[in-house]
Protein backbone atom coordinates (compact mmCIF):
# COMPACT_ATOMS: atom_id res chain seq x y z
CA MET A 1 11.36 -30.02 11.63
CA SER A 2 8.49 -30.41 9.15
CA LEU A 3 7.25 -26.90 10.02
CA LEU A 4 9.35 -25.07 7.43
CA PRO A 5 8.16 -26.93 4.30
CA SER A 6 4.54 -26.55 5.34
CA LEU A 7 4.99 -22.82 5.88
CA LEU A 8 6.68 -22.29 2.55
CA GLN A 9 4.39 -24.46 0.48
CA HIS A 10 1.73 -21.78 0.04
CA GLN A 11 3.84 -18.64 0.40
CA PRO A 12 4.72 -16.50 -2.63
CA ARG A 13 8.37 -15.98 -3.32
CA ARG A 14 8.43 -12.42 -2.02
CA PHE A 15 7.51 -13.70 1.47
CA ALA A 16 9.74 -16.76 1.54
CA LEU A 17 12.86 -14.96 2.73
CA ALA A 18 10.98 -13.38 5.63
CA ILE A 19 9.60 -16.77 6.65
CA LEU A 20 13.08 -18.32 6.54
CA PHE A 21 14.47 -15.52 8.68
CA GLN A 22 11.73 -15.86 11.26
CA VAL A 23 12.29 -19.59 11.52
CA ALA A 24 16.02 -18.98 11.93
CA CYS A 25 15.31 -16.46 14.68
CA LEU A 26 13.11 -19.00 16.41
CA LEU A 27 15.90 -21.57 16.30
CA VAL A 28 18.47 -19.22 17.85
CA GLY A 29 16.04 -17.81 20.40
CA LEU A 30 15.74 -14.25 19.13
CA TYR A 31 11.99 -14.24 19.58
CA PRO A 32 9.17 -16.63 20.41
CA ALA A 33 7.32 -19.06 18.21
CA SER A 34 4.16 -16.96 18.35
CA LEU A 35 5.76 -14.56 15.89
CA LEU A 36 5.52 -17.24 13.22
CA GLN A 37 1.75 -16.89 13.14
CA ALA A 38 1.59 -15.04 9.84
CA GLU A 39 -1.18 -12.52 9.29
CA SER A 40 -2.92 -12.02 6.01
CA SER A 41 -1.04 -9.62 3.80
CA PRO A 42 -2.77 -6.52 2.39
CA VAL A 43 -4.43 -6.90 -0.99
CA ARG A 44 -3.41 -4.15 -3.42
CA VAL A 45 -6.02 -3.29 -6.04
CA MET A 46 -5.72 -1.08 -9.12
CA SER A 47 -8.36 -0.14 -11.70
CA PHE A 48 -6.94 1.34 -14.91
CA ASN A 49 -8.62 2.36 -18.16
CA ILE A 50 -5.56 2.00 -20.39
CA ARG A 51 -7.17 3.51 -23.57
CA PHE A 52 -7.49 1.19 -26.53
CA GLY A 53 -4.19 0.82 -28.31
CA THR A 54 -5.34 1.54 -31.87
CA ALA A 55 -6.73 5.00 -31.07
CA ASN A 56 -5.42 7.86 -33.19
CA ASP A 57 -3.98 9.78 -30.24
CA GLY A 58 -0.96 11.43 -31.89
CA GLU A 59 1.72 12.11 -29.31
CA ASN A 60 -0.30 10.10 -26.79
CA ARG A 61 -0.61 6.97 -28.92
CA TRP A 62 0.06 3.57 -27.39
CA ASP A 63 3.67 3.16 -28.54
CA LYS A 64 4.62 6.49 -26.96
CA ARG A 65 3.02 5.87 -23.58
CA LYS A 66 3.13 2.11 -22.99
CA ASP A 67 6.43 2.28 -21.09
CA LEU A 68 5.03 4.88 -18.68
CA LEU A 69 1.92 2.77 -18.27
CA VAL A 70 4.06 -0.23 -17.31
CA GLU A 71 6.04 1.94 -14.89
CA THR A 72 2.80 3.19 -13.30
CA ILE A 73 1.53 -0.34 -12.74
CA ALA A 74 4.93 -1.53 -11.47
CA ARG A 75 5.18 1.30 -8.95
CA PHE A 76 1.89 0.34 -7.35
CA ASP A 77 2.61 -3.39 -7.71
CA PRO A 78 -1.02 -4.60 -7.63
CA ASP A 79 -2.27 -7.98 -6.51
CA PHE A 80 -5.45 -7.30 -8.52
CA LEU A 81 -5.43 -5.19 -11.70
CA GLY A 82 -8.66 -4.45 -13.55
CA THR A 83 -8.15 -2.89 -16.98
CA GLN A 84 -10.66 -1.36 -19.36
CA GLU A 85 -10.51 -0.66 -23.13
CA THR A 86 -7.93 -3.42 -23.38
CA LEU A 87 -7.33 -4.94 -26.81
CA ALA A 88 -5.91 -8.44 -27.19
CA PHE A 89 -2.40 -7.22 -28.04
CA GLN A 90 -2.43 -4.88 -25.02
CA LYS A 91 -3.48 -7.71 -22.72
CA GLU A 92 -0.63 -9.80 -24.10
CA PHE A 93 1.83 -6.91 -23.66
CA ILE A 94 0.88 -6.40 -20.01
CA SER A 95 1.13 -10.16 -19.41
CA GLN A 96 4.65 -10.17 -20.85
CA GLN A 97 5.71 -7.19 -18.73
CA PHE A 98 4.26 -8.69 -15.54
CA PRO A 99 4.86 -12.44 -15.62
CA GLN A 100 3.81 -12.65 -11.96
CA LEU A 101 0.24 -11.76 -13.01
CA GLU A 102 -2.24 -14.17 -14.60
CA SER A 103 -4.66 -12.57 -17.06
CA PHE A 104 -8.27 -13.34 -17.92
CA GLY A 105 -10.51 -11.60 -20.43
CA VAL A 106 -12.28 -11.85 -23.79
CA GLY A 107 -13.32 -9.37 -26.45
CA ARG A 108 -16.75 -7.88 -25.94
CA ASP A 109 -17.72 -8.30 -29.61
CA ASP A 110 -17.30 -12.06 -30.04
CA GLY A 111 -16.38 -13.46 -26.60
CA SER A 112 -12.90 -14.25 -27.90
CA GLU A 113 -10.35 -11.82 -29.36
CA LYS A 114 -12.51 -9.21 -31.11
CA GLY A 115 -13.21 -5.89 -29.47
CA GLU A 116 -12.25 -4.28 -26.21
CA MET A 117 -11.84 -6.41 -23.11
CA ALA A 118 -12.44 -5.80 -19.43
CA ALA A 119 -9.29 -7.86 -18.88
CA LEU A 120 -8.30 -8.52 -15.31
CA PHE A 121 -5.02 -9.67 -13.81
CA PHE A 122 -4.17 -11.26 -10.45
CA ARG A 123 -0.95 -12.30 -8.73
CA LYS A 124 -0.73 -15.99 -9.52
CA ASP A 125 1.82 -16.96 -6.87
CA ARG A 126 -0.60 -15.77 -4.18
CA PHE A 127 -4.04 -16.47 -5.66
CA GLU A 128 -5.39 -19.68 -7.13
CA LYS A 129 -8.09 -19.30 -9.77
CA LEU A 130 -11.10 -21.49 -8.91
CA GLU A 131 -13.35 -20.45 -11.80
CA GLY A 132 -14.13 -17.49 -14.01
CA GLY A 133 -16.51 -16.17 -16.60
CA HIS A 134 -18.05 -13.21 -18.42
CA PHE A 135 -21.46 -11.64 -18.96
CA TRP A 136 -22.70 -8.78 -21.08
CA LEU A 137 -24.33 -5.64 -19.70
CA SER A 138 -27.72 -6.12 -21.32
CA PRO A 139 -31.13 -7.68 -20.63
CA THR A 140 -29.63 -10.87 -22.12
CA PRO A 141 -26.33 -11.05 -20.21
CA ASP A 142 -25.45 -14.55 -21.43
CA LYS A 143 -25.74 -13.55 -25.09
CA VAL A 144 -22.29 -12.88 -26.53
CA GLY A 145 -21.91 -9.37 -27.93
CA SER A 146 -25.36 -8.20 -26.79
CA LYS A 147 -25.94 -4.47 -26.43
CA GLY A 148 -28.22 -3.26 -23.65
CA TRP A 149 -30.84 -0.52 -23.25
CA ASP A 150 -29.62 2.79 -24.78
CA ALA A 151 -25.92 1.80 -24.87
CA ALA A 152 -23.89 2.83 -27.88
CA LEU A 153 -21.71 -0.29 -27.75
CA PRO A 154 -21.68 -3.80 -26.31
CA ARG A 155 -20.32 -3.81 -22.75
CA ILE A 156 -18.93 -6.70 -20.75
CA ALA A 157 -18.05 -7.78 -17.22
CA THR A 158 -15.33 -10.34 -16.49
CA TRP A 159 -14.98 -12.17 -13.17
CA VAL A 160 -12.87 -14.76 -11.40
CA LYS A 161 -13.16 -16.58 -8.10
CA LEU A 162 -9.87 -16.87 -6.23
CA ARG A 163 -8.42 -18.60 -3.21
CA ASP A 164 -5.83 -16.64 -1.24
CA ARG A 165 -2.93 -18.95 -0.45
CA LEU A 166 -1.77 -16.60 2.31
CA SER A 167 -5.08 -16.85 4.13
CA GLU A 168 -6.21 -20.44 3.88
CA ASP A 169 -9.04 -20.04 6.39
CA ALA A 170 -10.50 -16.93 4.74
CA LEU A 171 -13.45 -16.79 2.38
CA PRO A 172 -12.61 -16.99 -1.33
CA ILE A 173 -12.65 -13.77 -3.35
CA LEU A 174 -14.88 -12.74 -6.24
CA PHE A 175 -12.95 -10.23 -8.37
CA LEU A 176 -15.05 -8.56 -11.08
CA ASN A 177 -14.01 -5.96 -13.64
CA THR A 178 -16.24 -3.98 -16.00
CA HIS A 179 -16.73 -0.89 -18.21
CA PHE A 180 -20.08 0.93 -18.46
CA ASP A 181 -21.30 2.65 -21.60
CA HIS A 182 -20.12 6.19 -22.28
CA GLN A 183 -23.36 7.48 -23.83
CA GLY A 184 -26.38 5.61 -22.51
CA GLY A 185 -27.48 7.01 -19.17
CA ASN A 186 -30.17 4.38 -18.73
CA ALA A 187 -27.67 1.67 -19.74
CA ARG A 188 -25.32 2.78 -16.98
CA PHE A 189 -28.12 2.69 -14.41
CA GLU A 190 -29.37 -0.73 -15.52
CA SER A 191 -25.79 -2.03 -15.75
CA ALA A 192 -25.16 -1.03 -12.14
CA LYS A 193 -28.29 -2.90 -11.04
CA LEU A 194 -27.23 -5.93 -13.08
CA ILE A 195 -23.72 -5.90 -11.61
CA ARG A 196 -25.07 -5.75 -8.08
CA SER A 197 -27.48 -8.59 -8.76
CA LYS A 198 -24.81 -10.73 -10.41
CA VAL A 199 -22.32 -10.03 -7.64
CA SER A 200 -24.88 -11.06 -5.04
CA GLU A 201 -25.41 -14.31 -6.93
CA LEU A 202 -21.81 -15.12 -7.86
CA GLY A 203 -20.35 -13.70 -4.67
CA ALA A 204 -22.42 -15.54 -2.10
CA GLY A 205 -19.94 -16.71 0.53
CA HIS A 206 -17.14 -14.64 -1.03
CA ARG A 207 -15.22 -11.50 -0.28
CA ILE A 208 -15.87 -9.13 -3.20
CA VAL A 209 -13.71 -6.69 -5.15
CA ILE A 210 -15.11 -4.76 -8.14
CA THR A 211 -13.04 -2.57 -10.45
CA GLY A 212 -14.20 -0.55 -13.43
CA ASP A 213 -14.69 2.56 -15.49
CA PHE A 214 -18.32 3.38 -14.75
CA ASN A 215 -18.55 6.58 -16.84
CA ALA A 216 -20.50 8.15 -13.97
CA GLY A 217 -19.48 10.11 -10.92
CA ALA A 218 -20.34 9.74 -7.26
CA LYS A 219 -23.91 10.62 -6.20
CA THR A 220 -25.33 9.59 -9.58
CA LYS A 221 -28.02 6.96 -10.23
CA PRO A 222 -25.48 4.27 -11.27
CA HIS A 223 -23.36 4.96 -8.18
CA ASP A 224 -26.40 4.79 -5.91
CA ALA A 225 -27.60 1.60 -7.59
CA LEU A 226 -24.29 -0.09 -6.86
CA PHE A 227 -23.62 1.23 -3.37
CA SER A 228 -26.88 2.45 -1.78
CA ASP A 229 -28.67 0.82 1.16
CA ASP A 230 -32.20 1.62 0.03
CA ALA A 231 -35.05 -0.86 0.29
CA SER A 232 -34.91 -1.78 -3.40
CA GLN A 233 -31.47 -3.31 -2.80
CA ALA A 234 -32.55 -5.26 0.31
CA ASN A 235 -31.85 -8.69 -1.17
CA THR A 236 -28.46 -7.85 -2.62
CA THR A 237 -24.95 -7.82 -1.18
CA LYS A 238 -23.93 -4.58 0.51
CA LEU A 239 -21.08 -2.93 -1.36
CA LEU A 240 -18.87 -0.01 -0.34
CA ASP A 241 -17.14 2.62 -2.46
CA SER A 242 -13.54 2.19 -1.30
CA TYR A 243 -12.72 5.84 -1.95
CA THR A 244 -15.30 7.11 0.55
CA HIS A 245 -14.67 4.33 3.10
CA SER A 246 -10.90 4.62 3.32
CA GLU A 247 -9.19 4.85 6.72
CA SER A 248 -6.70 7.27 5.16
CA PRO A 249 -7.99 10.29 3.23
CA GLN A 250 -6.85 11.24 -0.28
CA PRO A 251 -4.06 13.87 -0.11
CA ASP A 252 -5.85 16.30 -2.44
CA THR A 253 -9.51 17.25 -2.81
CA ASP A 254 -9.72 16.89 -6.61
CA GLU A 255 -11.47 13.68 -7.67
CA GLY A 256 -11.39 13.75 -11.47
CA THR A 257 -10.20 10.49 -13.02
CA PHE A 258 -10.78 11.20 -16.74
CA CYS A 259 -7.92 13.50 -17.73
CA ASN A 260 -7.86 13.25 -21.54
CA PHE A 261 -4.05 12.96 -21.32
CA ARG A 262 -3.79 16.30 -19.50
CA LEU A 263 -2.28 16.25 -16.02
CA GLU A 264 -4.10 19.42 -14.98
CA ASN A 265 -7.52 17.82 -15.59
CA MET A 266 -8.19 16.74 -12.00
CA LYS A 267 -11.42 18.55 -11.15
CA GLY A 268 -13.99 16.43 -13.01
CA ALA A 269 -16.02 13.48 -11.80
CA ARG A 270 -14.53 10.35 -10.25
CA ILE A 271 -15.81 7.89 -12.85
CA ASP A 272 -13.40 5.04 -12.01
CA TRP A 273 -14.31 3.09 -8.87
CA ILE A 274 -13.17 0.21 -6.72
CA GLY A 275 -16.06 -1.38 -4.86
CA VAL A 276 -15.69 -3.87 -2.02
CA SER A 277 -17.88 -5.94 0.27
CA SER A 278 -17.91 -5.38 4.01
CA HIS A 279 -15.44 -8.25 4.38
CA TRP A 280 -12.70 -5.68 3.79
CA VAL A 281 -11.16 -2.78 5.67
CA VAL A 282 -9.97 -0.12 3.22
CA ARG A 283 -6.57 1.01 4.44
CA THR A 284 -6.07 3.57 1.68
CA ALA A 285 -7.84 4.59 -1.53
CA ARG A 286 -6.12 6.88 -3.99
CA ILE A 287 -6.20 8.43 -7.44
CA ASP A 288 -2.77 7.80 -8.98
CA ARG A 289 -1.49 10.95 -10.71
CA THR A 290 1.69 9.40 -12.09
CA HIS A 291 3.10 11.44 -14.96
CA ARG A 292 6.34 12.16 -16.72
CA ASP A 293 7.13 15.64 -18.07
CA GLY A 294 3.44 16.49 -17.85
CA ARG A 295 2.43 13.40 -19.84
CA THR A 296 0.07 10.78 -18.43
CA PRO A 297 0.11 7.03 -19.18
CA SER A 298 -3.53 7.02 -20.32
CA ASP A 299 -6.52 9.33 -20.70
CA HIS A 300 -7.68 8.12 -17.28
CA PHE A 301 -5.85 8.30 -13.96
CA PRO A 302 -5.79 4.84 -12.40
CA VAL A 303 -7.41 4.39 -8.99
CA THR A 304 -6.04 2.19 -6.22
CA ALA A 305 -7.06 0.68 -2.90
CA ILE A 306 -5.23 -1.31 -0.23
CA LEU A 307 -7.46 -3.79 1.58
CA ARG A 308 -7.26 -5.96 4.67
CA GLU A 309 -9.63 -8.67 5.86
CA SER A 310 -12.13 -7.22 8.33
CA SER A 311 -12.47 -10.63 10.01
CA LYS A 312 -8.86 -10.55 11.14
CA PRO A 313 -8.00 -8.68 14.36
CA LEU A 314 -6.97 -5.20 13.31
CA LYS A 315 -3.61 -3.94 14.51
CA PHE A 316 -1.78 -0.67 14.89
CA ARG A 317 1.76 -0.82 13.53
CA ALA A 318 4.67 1.54 14.04
CA MET A 319 7.95 1.01 12.18
CA SER A 320 11.50 2.27 12.52
CA TYR A 321 13.73 1.88 9.48
CA ASN A 322 17.23 3.19 8.81
CA ILE A 323 17.11 3.12 4.99
CA HIS A 324 20.79 4.04 4.36
CA HIS A 325 19.61 6.57 1.72
CA GLY A 326 17.98 3.67 -0.12
CA ARG A 327 21.28 1.89 -0.77
CA GLY A 328 21.02 -1.85 -0.34
CA MET A 329 23.60 -4.53 0.26
CA ASP A 330 23.94 -4.84 -3.52
CA ASP A 331 25.14 -1.19 -3.53
CA LYS A 332 22.10 -0.08 -5.54
CA VAL A 333 19.90 2.85 -4.52
CA ASP A 334 16.35 1.58 -4.95
CA LEU A 335 13.53 3.50 -3.28
CA LEU A 336 10.84 1.33 -4.83
CA ARG A 337 12.37 -1.65 -3.04
CA ILE A 338 12.22 0.27 0.26
CA ALA A 339 8.65 1.35 -0.44
CA LYS A 340 7.49 -2.20 -1.14
CA ILE A 341 8.90 -3.35 2.20
CA ILE A 342 7.00 -0.59 3.99
CA ARG A 343 3.82 -1.26 2.02
CA ASP A 344 3.84 -4.99 2.73
CA ALA A 345 4.25 -4.32 6.46
CA ASP A 346 1.25 -1.95 6.28
CA PRO A 347 2.28 0.37 9.15
CA ASP A 348 0.28 3.33 10.41
CA TRP A 349 3.43 5.32 11.24
CA VAL A 350 7.06 5.05 10.16
CA ALA A 351 10.21 6.76 11.41
CA LEU A 352 12.91 6.73 8.71
CA GLN A 353 16.58 7.52 9.25
CA GLU A 354 19.38 8.37 6.79
CA VAL A 355 17.09 9.99 4.23
CA ASP A 356 18.49 12.11 1.39
CA GLN A 357 16.79 15.17 -0.04
CA ASN A 358 18.15 16.23 -3.45
CA VAL A 359 21.59 14.77 -2.68
CA THR A 360 23.99 13.95 -5.51
CA ARG A 361 24.95 10.46 -4.31
CA SER A 362 21.33 9.28 -4.53
CA GLY A 363 20.47 10.91 -7.86
CA GLY A 364 19.19 14.26 -6.61
CA VAL A 365 15.84 12.75 -5.57
CA ASP A 366 13.72 14.09 -2.73
CA GLN A 367 13.60 10.68 -1.08
CA ALA A 368 11.08 11.62 1.60
CA ALA A 369 8.59 12.95 -0.95
CA GLU A 370 9.12 9.97 -3.24
CA LEU A 371 8.61 7.45 -0.43
CA GLY A 372 5.46 9.27 0.60
CA ARG A 373 4.16 8.92 -2.95
CA LEU A 374 5.20 5.29 -3.33
CA THR A 375 3.66 4.23 -0.01
CA ASP A 376 0.48 6.33 -0.23
CA MET A 377 1.39 7.91 3.11
CA TYR A 378 1.77 11.48 4.33
CA VAL A 379 5.37 12.55 4.85
CA VAL A 380 7.43 15.21 6.63
CA PHE A 381 11.21 15.63 6.42
CA GLY A 382 13.67 16.95 9.00
CA LYS A 383 17.13 18.11 7.97
CA ALA A 384 20.10 17.13 10.11
CA ILE A 385 22.91 18.40 7.84
CA ASP A 386 23.59 19.86 4.42
CA LEU A 387 25.06 17.29 2.03
CA GLN A 388 26.19 17.32 -1.61
CA GLY A 389 23.92 20.13 -2.74
CA GLY A 390 20.96 18.92 -0.73
CA ALA A 391 19.99 17.82 2.77
CA TYR A 392 20.31 14.64 4.83
CA GLY A 393 18.19 13.70 7.80
CA GLN A 394 15.04 11.87 8.79
CA ALA A 395 11.44 11.49 7.68
CA LEU A 396 8.13 10.49 9.24
CA LEU A 397 5.32 8.72 7.37
CA SER A 398 1.68 8.52 8.50
CA LYS A 399 -1.60 7.15 7.16
CA HIS A 400 -3.21 10.44 8.27
CA PRO A 401 -2.11 13.99 7.44
CA TRP A 402 0.52 15.69 9.57
CA LYS A 403 -0.79 18.61 11.57
CA GLU A 404 2.63 19.99 12.47
CA HIS A 405 6.25 18.96 12.80
CA ARG A 406 9.51 20.40 14.07
CA VAL A 407 13.20 19.54 14.31
CA GLN A 408 15.10 19.61 17.60
CA GLN A 409 18.88 19.42 17.40
CA LEU A 410 20.53 17.10 19.90
CA ALA A 411 23.84 17.59 21.71
CA ASN A 412 26.92 17.55 19.51
CA LEU A 413 30.72 17.84 19.57
CA PRO A 414 33.09 19.48 17.07
CA GLY A 415 33.66 17.23 14.08
CA ARG A 416 30.66 15.02 14.79
CA GLU A 417 27.60 14.71 12.54
CA GLN A 418 24.67 16.72 13.88
CA ARG A 419 21.90 14.49 15.21
CA ILE A 420 18.24 15.48 15.54
CA ALA A 421 14.85 14.49 16.83
CA LEU A 422 12.05 14.92 14.27
CA ILE A 423 8.79 15.49 16.13
CA GLY A 424 5.42 15.25 14.39
CA ALA A 425 1.74 15.47 15.32
CA THR A 426 -0.93 13.49 13.45
CA SER A 427 -3.81 11.17 14.43
CA ASP A 428 -5.13 7.66 14.07
CA GLY A 429 -8.50 8.93 12.93
CA ALA A 430 -9.88 9.06 16.48
CA ARG A 431 -7.19 10.52 18.75
CA SER A 432 -4.04 12.57 18.58
CA VAL A 433 -0.73 10.85 17.86
CA HIS A 434 2.67 12.43 18.56
CA ILE A 435 5.82 10.82 17.24
CA ILE A 436 9.51 11.38 17.91
CA GLY A 437 11.85 9.94 15.30
CA THR A 438 15.57 9.99 16.01
CA HIS A 439 19.04 8.73 15.13
CA LEU A 440 21.71 8.89 17.84
CA ASP A 441 25.48 9.17 17.37
CA HIS A 442 27.09 5.94 16.23
CA ALA A 443 30.63 6.19 17.62
CA HIS A 444 30.92 8.42 20.70
CA ASP A 445 29.54 6.77 23.84
CA GLN A 446 29.36 9.86 26.06
CA LEU A 447 27.76 11.96 23.34
CA ARG A 448 25.20 9.28 22.63
CA ALA A 449 24.36 9.09 26.34
CA GLN A 450 23.89 12.86 26.43
CA GLN A 451 21.66 12.74 23.35
CA ALA A 452 19.54 10.07 25.04
CA GLU A 453 19.16 12.34 28.10
CA GLU A 454 17.95 15.16 25.87
CA LEU A 455 15.64 12.84 23.98
CA VAL A 456 13.68 11.84 27.08
CA GLN A 457 13.29 15.50 28.09
CA ILE A 458 11.25 16.27 24.95
CA GLN A 459 7.76 17.17 26.10
CA LEU A 460 4.79 15.73 24.23
CA PRO A 461 1.18 16.66 25.01
CA ASP A 462 -0.62 14.44 27.49
CA GLY A 463 -3.30 12.14 26.18
CA GLY A 464 -3.54 10.34 22.90
CA LEU A 465 -0.81 8.09 21.60
CA ARG A 466 2.90 8.88 21.90
CA ILE A 467 5.60 7.02 19.96
CA LEU A 468 9.38 7.12 20.09
CA ALA A 469 11.17 5.33 17.26
CA GLY A 470 14.62 5.34 15.77
CA ASP A 471 18.12 4.03 15.31
CA MET A 472 19.58 4.43 18.79
CA ASN A 473 22.99 2.98 17.87
CA ALA A 474 22.88 1.26 21.27
CA VAL A 475 21.80 -2.13 22.55
CA ASN A 476 19.13 -2.56 25.19
CA GLU A 477 21.60 -3.02 28.08
CA SER A 478 23.60 0.15 27.32
CA VAL A 479 23.59 3.39 29.32
CA PRO A 480 21.68 5.38 26.64
CA MET A 481 19.00 2.70 26.41
CA GLN A 482 18.68 2.47 30.17
CA THR A 483 18.00 6.21 30.14
CA ILE A 484 15.39 5.85 27.42
CA THR A 485 13.62 2.84 28.89
CA LYS A 486 13.20 4.60 32.25
CA ALA A 487 11.15 7.27 30.51
CA TRP A 488 9.67 4.95 27.87
CA PRO A 489 9.45 1.66 29.80
CA PHE A 490 6.83 0.00 27.72
CA PRO A 491 7.03 -2.32 25.85
CA ALA A 492 10.26 -3.98 26.95
CA TYR A 493 12.23 -5.85 24.30
CA ASN A 494 12.71 -9.17 25.92
CA PRO A 495 14.10 -11.00 24.11
CA ALA A 496 15.75 -8.62 21.67
CA VAL A 497 14.75 -8.43 18.00
CA ALA A 498 17.90 -8.29 15.89
CA THR A 499 18.12 -5.44 13.37
CA ILE A 500 21.81 -5.45 12.41
CA PRO A 501 23.80 -6.52 10.55
CA THR A 502 21.50 -7.14 7.62
CA ARG A 503 23.14 -10.46 6.95
CA ASP A 504 23.15 -12.75 9.97
CA PRO A 505 21.62 -10.15 12.33
CA ASN A 506 22.67 -10.61 15.95
CA ARG A 507 21.79 -7.45 17.90
CA GLN A 508 19.14 -4.77 18.19
CA ILE A 509 19.88 -1.06 17.93
CA ASP A 510 16.56 0.05 16.34
CA PHE A 511 13.58 0.50 18.66
CA VAL A 512 9.94 1.58 18.83
CA PHE A 513 8.32 2.60 22.14
CA VAL A 514 4.71 3.55 22.82
CA HIS A 515 2.90 5.50 25.54
CA GLY A 516 -0.86 5.81 25.82
CA VAL A 517 -1.69 2.11 25.54
CA GLY A 518 -2.79 0.01 28.49
CA ARG A 519 -0.23 -2.23 30.15
CA ASP A 520 -2.30 -5.33 29.50
CA VAL A 521 -2.20 -4.81 25.73
CA PRO A 522 -0.08 -7.50 24.03
CA PHE A 523 2.69 -6.09 21.88
CA ARG A 524 4.49 -7.93 19.14
CA ALA A 525 7.87 -6.76 17.81
CA TYR A 526 9.60 -8.21 14.78
CA SER A 527 12.16 -7.34 12.15
CA ILE A 528 11.77 -7.96 8.43
CA ALA A 529 14.39 -9.90 6.52
CA THR A 530 15.61 -7.78 3.61
CA GLU A 531 18.87 -6.58 2.07
CA ALA A 532 17.43 -3.25 0.92
CA SER A 533 19.51 -1.37 3.55
CA ASP A 534 22.25 -2.05 6.08
CA HIS A 535 19.55 -2.25 8.80
CA LEU A 536 16.46 -4.41 9.07
CA PRO A 537 13.20 -2.55 9.59
CA LEU A 538 11.64 -3.02 13.02
CA VAL A 539 7.86 -3.22 13.43
CA LEU A 540 5.92 -2.95 16.67
CA GLU A 541 2.24 -3.91 16.53
CA TRP A 542 -0.62 -4.05 19.01
CA PRO A 543 -4.42 -4.56 18.85
CA ARG A 544 -6.70 -1.70 17.96
């Protein structure tokens, strides 16, 4: 049994519990050894101009906004964080707040502590630093503190080369962070050409991620110089603007990233970018509008991207998760914990059960809306019952916008909690996708059987992809599940994937079924070990 130590040796702590659970399931025969073949995890990237901490910003000065800035970073939970306008004490502060991140950066004035840094951070339990360095955005890039072209100030780029411990066979990563001049138009253009040339040199044989405040919008000369395919760039590495190459579109049409501490300033240029090489698939790219009481954490909105290796076989993933209104086995309601589980699984669609909307017991939070924000997914909510001044029911999440949704009440008896099917229509970017999320009665066998009969009578349009997911409160051999599997026979759960109880799971009552996929397509079903709810989330995946 030397398999376990070798699996755990290079896994970060947040994945260790899942690995242990999967090995345990293998030992007791819950599912086959092939499920232990771990895929690369998504890489979460954030670029954030944090505004230099000695600025005379009055009510927006550093001491009054640093806690919100930390909260904004923590909510996204980046693997890579590129910061701009970072002074030495701010770099140290962020390092103290996020001990899981290793920092790297020097002052642009003296190559040490003096002046603003383009400090970058990376998750040190996942990534091993191989080497790193800096260069200045000028005709003499190796000259410390040099100022280039018509720039008003010295500007710097900082880079590291990293090995991903979760993907030992993958190419290493070049992660570069920079900040272009705010006044010199020619300096910005020449800086973009320099960055592309340097990236092509440093990044040969690497996957590339670039973060920065470029002080220029899309469709400008600097943007074209970094991302265009014209003949003048023929000998340089092809780079993609993650925002325009995302599989999942931004929820709003406003692209402004410089807000000057005003939440309503969203309509300007997108001057903060995340660039990537073609080694990546961009799952989502977003502008993070986090605020508190109308106040923003900086004078820029951070931008984010979630990346996957393009060399790995791409999968569709559908998840069912009874979140128990966010209450975990420690009796704490923690939506961020739920969101991180969903984000790490990287599903395309999620059916959530036991979701509160403005309910007293869970702090009056609209949990569906909050989970949509925390996961960068589109959300719809379906009410089953009124509860404690709010509503309680189900939610659906999707990487693509919802076109429509409706609630269908299922059979009920006096004194029983009303159960529903939440039905939504979206897409996968190429075809229609219709999803039924549900939660059947937990204690009345005949009623549950009747609800299952009604569930399979729901008509979905022909064609496209059709998904049924939910907490069925029934095991695979039961009468309700026999009814469901006659109408949704594919894939069969053999053997079962345990989803309850959270501790020592021994049976499956949560399911995902799919229509519209060929019978020869290999499906993989697995649960995720976590104590964030009284159920384990179930994931079904299949090749794209």
